[in-house]
């Protein structure tokens, strides 16, 4: 009867071989993960810059309108304070009401333009949603072509410490979008 000795080195090679074979099999079956840098992609899309410029102009225009209304409210307050001693009770109440109305108008303008679900939010969504959809479609196409199952945005992942440049498909997405 032959005695078999346990060979640690041989067992180690077999295990390593199995692990490598499993990784190769996984890679062939689309178990890959890739990353994009959404900020980089957006920065290189002219339509995004155009939409951003439009939003900035609209925001500045609305901010100027609010500042004008605030200035009018300050003038009403200053006038009231200087003329207060000369006004009757009825006129004081009218002026105070006018000041409150103007201040409420300012608050309403701020809420309407810049508040949650305000006009700027709606405008941003209207301008950027088509661009986001385009990017999503391009990412999906590149992922399908390269058999990638998971694509993560590395610019939005603070826990990502290191990533090989081989995993970054941002340039391929830009090519699909016709940019660069």
C-alpha atoms as a PDB file:
ATOM      1  CA  UNK A   1       0.000   0.000   0.000  1.00  0.00           C
ATOM      2  CA  UNK A   2       1.376   3.406  -1.037  1.00  0.00           C
ATOM      3  CA  UNK A   3       1.472   6.295   1.343  1.00  0.00           C
ATOM      4  CA  UNK A   4       0.502   9.679  -0.021  1.00  0.00           C
ATOM      5  CA  UNK A   5       2.050  12.724   1.489  1.00  0.00           C
ATOM      6  CA  UNK A   6       0.096  15.941   1.562  1.00  0.00           C
ATOM      7  CA  UNK A   7       1.794  18.442  -0.695  1.00  0.00           C
ATOM      8  CA  UNK A   8       1.066  22.011   0.496  1.00  0.00           C
ATOM      9  CA  UNK A   9       2.739  23.600  -2.462  1.00  0.00           C
ATOM     10  CA  UNK A  10       0.724  21.590  -4.953  1.00  0.00           C
ATOM     11  CA  UNK A  11      -2.501  22.394  -3.115  1.00  0.00           C
ATOM     12  CA  UNK A  12      -1.625  26.103  -3.129  1.00  0.00           C
ATOM     13  CA  UNK A  13      -1.046  26.021  -6.905  1.00  0.00           C
ATOM     14  CA  UNK A  14      -4.359  24.267  -7.465  1.00  0.00           C
ATOM     15  CA  UNK A  15      -6.210  26.872  -5.350  1.00  0.00           C
ATOM     16  CA  UNK A  16      -4.533  29.769  -7.142  1.00  0.00           C
ATOM     17  CA  UNK A  17      -5.381  28.152 -10.470  1.00  0.00           C
ATOM     18  CA  UNK A  18      -9.022  27.821  -9.461  1.00  0.00           C
ATOM     19  CA  UNK A  19      -9.175  31.454  -8.344  1.00  0.00           C
ATOM     20  CA  UNK A  20      -7.588  32.698 -11.564  1.00  0.00           C
ATOM     21  CA  UNK A  21      -9.892  30.511 -13.642  1.00  0.00           C
ATOM     22  CA  UNK A  22     -12.901  31.849 -11.717  1.00  0.00           C
ATOM     23  CA  UNK A  23     -11.784  35.455 -12.318  1.00  0.00           C
ATOM     24  CA  UNK A  24     -11.268  34.815 -16.018  1.00  0.00           C
ATOM     25  CA  UNK A  25     -14.680  33.155 -16.202  1.00  0.00           C
ATOM     26  CA  UNK A  26     -16.264  36.082 -14.358  1.00  0.00           C
ATOM     27  CA  UNK A  27     -14.624  38.619 -16.659  1.00  0.00           C
ATOM     28  CA  UNK A  28     -15.829  36.742 -19.738  1.00  0.00           C
ATOM     29  CA  UNK A  29     -19.353  36.617 -18.374  1.00  0.00           C
ATOM     30  CA  UNK A  30     -19.652  40.367 -17.829  1.00  0.00           C
ATOM     31  CA  UNK A  31     -18.909  40.586 -14.143  1.00  0.00           C
ATOM     32  CA  UNK A  32     -16.955  43.769 -14.733  1.00  0.00           C
ATOM     33  CA  UNK A  33     -17.381  47.083 -12.990  1.00  0.00           C
ATOM     34  CA  UNK A  34     -16.474  50.416 -14.478  1.00  0.00           C
ATOM     35  CA  UNK A  35     -16.472  54.019 -13.401  1.00  0.00           C
ATOM     36  CA  UNK A  36     -17.319  57.328 -14.981  1.00  0.00           C
ATOM     37  CA  UNK A  37     -16.457  60.823 -13.854  1.00  0.00           C
ATOM     38  CA  UNK A  38     -19.742  62.639 -14.366  1.00  0.00           C
ATOM     39  CA  UNK A  39     -18.216  66.052 -13.617  1.00  0.00           C
ATOM     40  CA  UNK A  40     -15.584  65.463 -16.311  1.00  0.00           C
ATOM     41  CA  UNK A  41     -18.231  64.351 -18.805  1.00  0.00           C
ATOM     42  CA  UNK A  42     -20.472  67.339 -18.094  1.00  0.00           C
ATOM     43  CA  UNK A  43     -17.559  69.758 -18.321  1.00  0.00           C
ATOM     44  CA  UNK A  44     -16.792  68.452 -21.817  1.00  0.00           C
ATOM     45  CA  UNK A  45     -20.358  68.699 -23.145  1.00  0.00           C
ATOM     46  CA  UNK A  46     -21.109  72.011 -24.879  1.00  0.00           C
ATOM     47  CA  UNK A  47     -24.860  71.584 -24.368  1.00  0.00           C
ATOM     48  CA  UNK A  48     -24.314  71.357 -20.611  1.00  0.00           C
ATOM     49  CA  UNK A  49     -22.286  74.569 -20.590  1.00  0.00           C
ATOM     50  CA  UNK A  50     -24.995  76.270 -22.636  1.00  0.00           C
ATOM     51  CA  UNK A  51     -27.715  75.109 -20.244  1.00  0.00           C
ATOM     52  CA  UNK A  52     -25.634  76.229 -17.275  1.00  0.00           C
ATOM     53  CA  UNK A  53     -25.127  79.673 -18.849  1.00  0.00           C
ATOM     54  CA  UNK A  54     -28.874  79.982 -19.413  1.00  0.00           C
ATOM     55  CA  UNK A  55     -29.579  79.045 -15.801  1.00  0.00           C
ATOM     56  CA  UNK A  56     -27.022  81.568 -14.568  1.00  0.00           C
ATOM     57  CA  UNK A  57     -28.570  84.363 -16.639  1.00  0.00           C
ATOM     58  CA  UNK A  58     -32.080  83.504 -15.471  1.00  0.00           C
ATOM     59  CA  UNK A  59     -30.914  83.302 -11.860  1.00  0.00           C
ATOM     60  CA  UNK A  60     -29.184  86.675 -12.087  1.00  0.00           C
ATOM     61  CA  UNK A  61     -32.271  88.281 -13.618  1.00  0.00           C
ATOM     62  CA  UNK A  62     -34.521  86.918 -10.895  1.00  0.00           C
ATOM     63  CA  UNK A  63     -32.009  87.862  -8.189  1.00  0.00           C
ATOM     64  CA  UNK A  64     -31.951  91.426  -9.529  1.00  0.00           C
ATOM     65  CA  UNK A  65     -35.760  91.518  -9.408  1.00  0.00           C
ATOM     66  CA  UNK A  66     -35.661  90.384  -5.780  1.00  0.00           C
ATOM     67  CA  UNK A  67     -32.984  92.937  -4.889  1.00  0.00           C
ATOM     68  CA  UNK A  68     -35.106  95.687  -6.467  1.00  0.00           C
ATOM     69  CA  UNK A  69     -38.111  94.630  -4.385  1.00  0.00           C
ATOM     70  CA  UNK A  70     -35.927  94.506  -1.259  1.00  0.00           C
ATOM     71  CA  UNK A  71     -34.648  98.005  -1.986  1.00  0.00           C
ATOM     72  CA  UNK A  72     -38.234  99.238  -2.378  1.00  0.00           C
ATOM     73  CA  UNK A  73     -39.072  97.683   1.003  1.00  0.00           C
ATOM     74  CA  UNK A  74     -36.050  99.403   2.601  1.00  0.00           C
ATOM     75  CA  UNK A  75     -37.156 102.738   1.131  1.00  0.00           C
ATOM     76  CA  UNK A  76     -40.662 102.238   2.507  1.00  0.00           C
ATOM     77  CA  UNK A  77     -39.218 101.485   5.962  1.00  0.00           C
ATOM     78  CA  UNK A  78     -36.841 104.469   5.860  1.00  0.00           C
ATOM     79  CA  UNK A  79     -39.620 106.819   4.743  1.00  0.00           C
ATOM     80  CA  UNK A  80     -41.926 105.493   7.428  1.00  0.00           C
ATOM     81  CA  UNK A  81     -39.301 105.969  10.129  1.00  0.00           C
ATOM     82  CA  UNK A  82     -38.602 109.575   9.120  1.00  0.00           C
ATOM     83  CA  UNK A  83     -42.259 110.542   8.669  1.00  0.00           C
ATOM     84  CA  UNK A  84     -43.684 108.479  11.529  1.00  0.00           C
ATOM     85  CA  UNK A  85     -44.036 111.380  13.962  1.00  0.00           C
ATOM     86  CA  UNK A  86     -46.075 113.359  11.438  1.00  0.00           C
ATOM     87  CA  UNK A  87     -48.494 110.556  10.529  1.00  0.00           C
ATOM     88  CA  UNK A  88     -51.902 109.877  11.989  1.00  0.00           C
ATOM     89  CA  UNK A  89     -52.656 106.424  13.421  1.00  0.00           C
ATOM     90  CA  UNK A  90     -54.606 105.518  10.311  1.00  0.00           C
ATOM     91  CA  UNK A  91     -51.718 106.537   8.012  1.00  0.00           C
ATOM     92  CA  UNK A  92     -49.218 104.670  10.231  1.00  0.00           C
ATOM     93  CA  UNK A  93     -51.258 101.483   9.889  1.00  0.00           C
ATOM     94  CA  UNK A  94     -51.497 101.974   6.098  1.00  0.00           C
ATOM     95  CA  UNK A  95     -47.739 102.467   5.805  1.00  0.00           C
ATOM     96  CA  UNK A  96     -47.009  99.480   8.065  1.00  0.00           C
ATOM     97  CA  UNK A  97     -49.349  97.367   5.953  1.00  0.00           C
ATOM     98  CA  UNK A  98     -47.599  98.567   2.775  1.00  0.00           C
ATOM     99  CA  UNK A  99     -44.221  97.634   4.295  1.00  0.00           C
ATOM    100  CA  UNK A 100     -45.473  94.184   5.323  1.00  0.00           C
ATOM    101  CA  UNK A 101     -47.013  93.645   1.894  1.00  0.00           C
ATOM    102  CA  UNK A 102     -43.716  94.571   0.199  1.00  0.00           C
ATOM    103  CA  UNK A 103     -41.718  92.297   2.535  1.00  0.00           C
ATOM    104  CA  UNK A 104     -44.172  89.449   1.876  1.00  0.00           C
ATOM    105  CA  UNK A 105     -43.814  90.111  -1.851  1.00  0.00           C
ATOM    106  CA  UNK A 106     -40.027  89.747  -1.492  1.00  0.00           C
ATOM    107  CA  UNK A 107     -40.421  86.473   0.409  1.00  0.00           C
ATOM    108  CA  UNK A 108     -42.885  85.186  -2.166  1.00  0.00           C
ATOM    109  CA  UNK A 109     -40.528  86.089  -5.017  1.00  0.00           C
ATOM    110  CA  UNK A 110     -37.679  84.234  -3.294  1.00  0.00           C
ATOM    111  CA  UNK A 111     -39.872  81.199  -2.717  1.00  0.00           C
ATOM    112  CA  UNK A 112     -41.284  81.294  -6.251  1.00  0.00           C
ATOM    113  CA  UNK A 113     -37.928  81.634  -7.995  1.00  0.00           C
ATOM    114  CA  UNK A 114     -35.417  79.912  -5.719  1.00  0.00           C
ATOM    115  CA  UNK A 115     -37.449  77.843  -3.266  1.00  0.00           C
ATOM    116  CA  UNK A 116     -37.834  74.114  -3.203  1.00  0.00           C
ATOM    117  CA  UNK A 117     -39.595  73.202  -6.470  1.00  0.00           C
ATOM    118  CA  UNK A 118     -39.293  76.855  -7.500  1.00  0.00           C
ATOM    119  CA  UNK A 119     -38.953  78.177 -11.024  1.00  0.00           C
ATOM    120  CA  UNK A 120     -35.167  77.789 -11.076  1.00  0.00           C
ATOM    121  CA  UNK A 121     -35.487  74.151  -9.991  1.00  0.00           C
ATOM    122  CA  UNK A 122     -38.063  73.515 -12.722  1.00  0.00           C
ATOM    123  CA  UNK A 123     -35.982  75.320 -15.332  1.00  0.00           C
ATOM    124  CA  UNK A 124     -32.856  73.375 -14.316  1.00  0.00           C
ATOM    125  CA  UNK A 125     -34.756  70.125 -14.572  1.00  0.00           C
ATOM    126  CA  UNK A 126     -36.160  71.061 -17.994  1.00  0.00           C
ATOM    127  CA  UNK A 127     -32.727  71.999 -19.348  1.00  0.00           C
ATOM    128  CA  UNK A 128     -30.621  69.272 -17.751  1.00  0.00           C
ATOM    129  CA  UNK A 129     -32.946  66.245 -17.857  1.00  0.00           C
ATOM    130  CA  UNK A 130     -32.437  65.681 -21.612  1.00  0.00           C
ATOM    131  CA  UNK A 131     -28.651  65.905 -21.132  1.00  0.00           C
ATOM    132  CA  UNK A 132     -28.783  63.457 -18.228  1.00  0.00           C
ATOM    133  CA  UNK A 133     -30.896  61.076 -20.296  1.00  0.00           C
ATOM    134  CA  UNK A 134     -28.394  61.303 -23.153  1.00  0.00           C
ATOM    135  CA  UNK A 135     -25.510  60.529 -20.803  1.00  0.00           C
ATOM    136  CA  UNK A 136     -27.407  57.625 -19.264  1.00  0.00           C
ATOM    137  CA  UNK A 137     -28.103  56.160 -22.705  1.00  0.00           C
ATOM    138  CA  UNK A 138     -24.450  56.548 -23.738  1.00  0.00           C
ATOM    139  CA  UNK A 139     -23.258  54.924 -20.501  1.00  0.00           C
ATOM    140  CA  UNK A 140     -25.683  52.079 -21.045  1.00  0.00           C
ATOM    141  CA  UNK A 141     -24.468  51.549 -24.635  1.00  0.00           C
ATOM    142  CA  UNK A 142     -20.786  51.562 -23.642  1.00  0.00           C
ATOM    143  CA  UNK A 143     -21.510  49.206 -20.742  1.00  0.00           C
ATOM    144  CA  UNK A 144     -23.375  46.803 -23.020  1.00  0.00           C
ATOM    145  CA  UNK A 145     -20.601  46.882 -25.643  1.00  0.00           C
ATOM    146  CA  UNK A 146     -17.963  46.107 -23.017  1.00  0.00           C
ATOM    147  CA  UNK A 147     -20.069  43.627 -21.025  1.00  0.00           C
ATOM    148  CA  UNK A 148     -20.009  45.838 -17.941  1.00  0.00           C
ATOM    149  CA  UNK A 149     -22.726  45.229 -15.395  1.00  0.00           C
ATOM    150  CA  UNK A 150     -22.035  47.992 -12.873  1.00  0.00           C
ATOM    151  CA  UNK A 151     -21.063  51.579 -13.619  1.00  0.00           C
ATOM    152  CA  UNK A 152     -20.427  53.959 -10.733  1.00  0.00           C
ATOM    153  CA  UNK A 153     -19.787  57.685 -10.692  1.00  0.00           C
ATOM    154  CA  UNK A 154     -16.384  58.138  -9.123  1.00  0.00           C
ATOM    155  CA  UNK A 155     -16.887  61.888  -8.673  1.00  0.00           C
ATOM    156  CA  UNK A 156     -19.808  61.140  -6.342  1.00  0.00           C
ATOM    157  CA  UNK A 157     -18.157  58.363  -4.349  1.00  0.00           C
ATOM    158  CA  UNK A 158     -16.190  59.782  -1.408  1.00  0.00           C
ATOM    159  CA  UNK A 159     -15.269  56.282  -0.225  1.00  0.00           C
ATOM    160  CA  UNK A 160     -13.361  55.490  -3.431  1.00  0.00           C
ATOM    161  CA  UNK A 161      -9.683  55.635  -2.552  1.00  0.00           C
ATOM    162  CA  UNK A 162      -8.079  54.235  -5.688  1.00  0.00           C
ATOM    163  CA  UNK A 163      -9.253  53.226  -9.111  1.00  0.00           C
ATOM    164  CA  UNK A 164      -7.282  52.024 -12.083  1.00  0.00           C
ATOM    165  CA  UNK A 165      -7.607  54.252 -15.150  1.00  0.00           C
ATOM    166  CA  UNK A 166      -8.464  51.100 -17.104  1.00  0.00           C
ATOM    167  CA  UNK A 167     -11.834  51.071 -15.334  1.00  0.00           C
ATOM    168  CA  UNK A 168     -12.710  54.663 -16.318  1.00  0.00           C
ATOM    169  CA  UNK A 169     -15.022  54.729 -19.349  1.00  0.00           C
ATOM    170  CA  UNK A 170     -15.691  58.498 -19.289  1.00  0.00           C
ATOM    171  CA  UNK A 171     -13.926  59.138 -22.603  1.00  0.00           C
ATOM    172  CA  UNK A 172     -15.831  56.326 -24.299  1.00  0.00           C
ATOM    173  CA  UNK A 173     -19.094  57.853 -23.050  1.00  0.00           C
ATOM    174  CA  UNK A 174     -18.038  61.257 -24.401  1.00  0.00           C
ATOM    175  CA  UNK A 175     -17.291  59.650 -27.770  1.00  0.00           C
ATOM    176  CA  UNK A 176     -20.773  58.102 -27.789  1.00  0.00           C
ATOM    177  CA  UNK A 177     -22.189  61.551 -27.087  1.00  0.00           C
ATOM    178  CA  UNK A 178     -20.218  62.980 -29.998  1.00  0.00           C
ATOM    179  CA  UNK A 179     -18.044  65.181 -27.792  1.00  0.00           C
ATOM    180  CA  UNK A 180     -14.245  65.365 -27.650  1.00  0.00           C
END
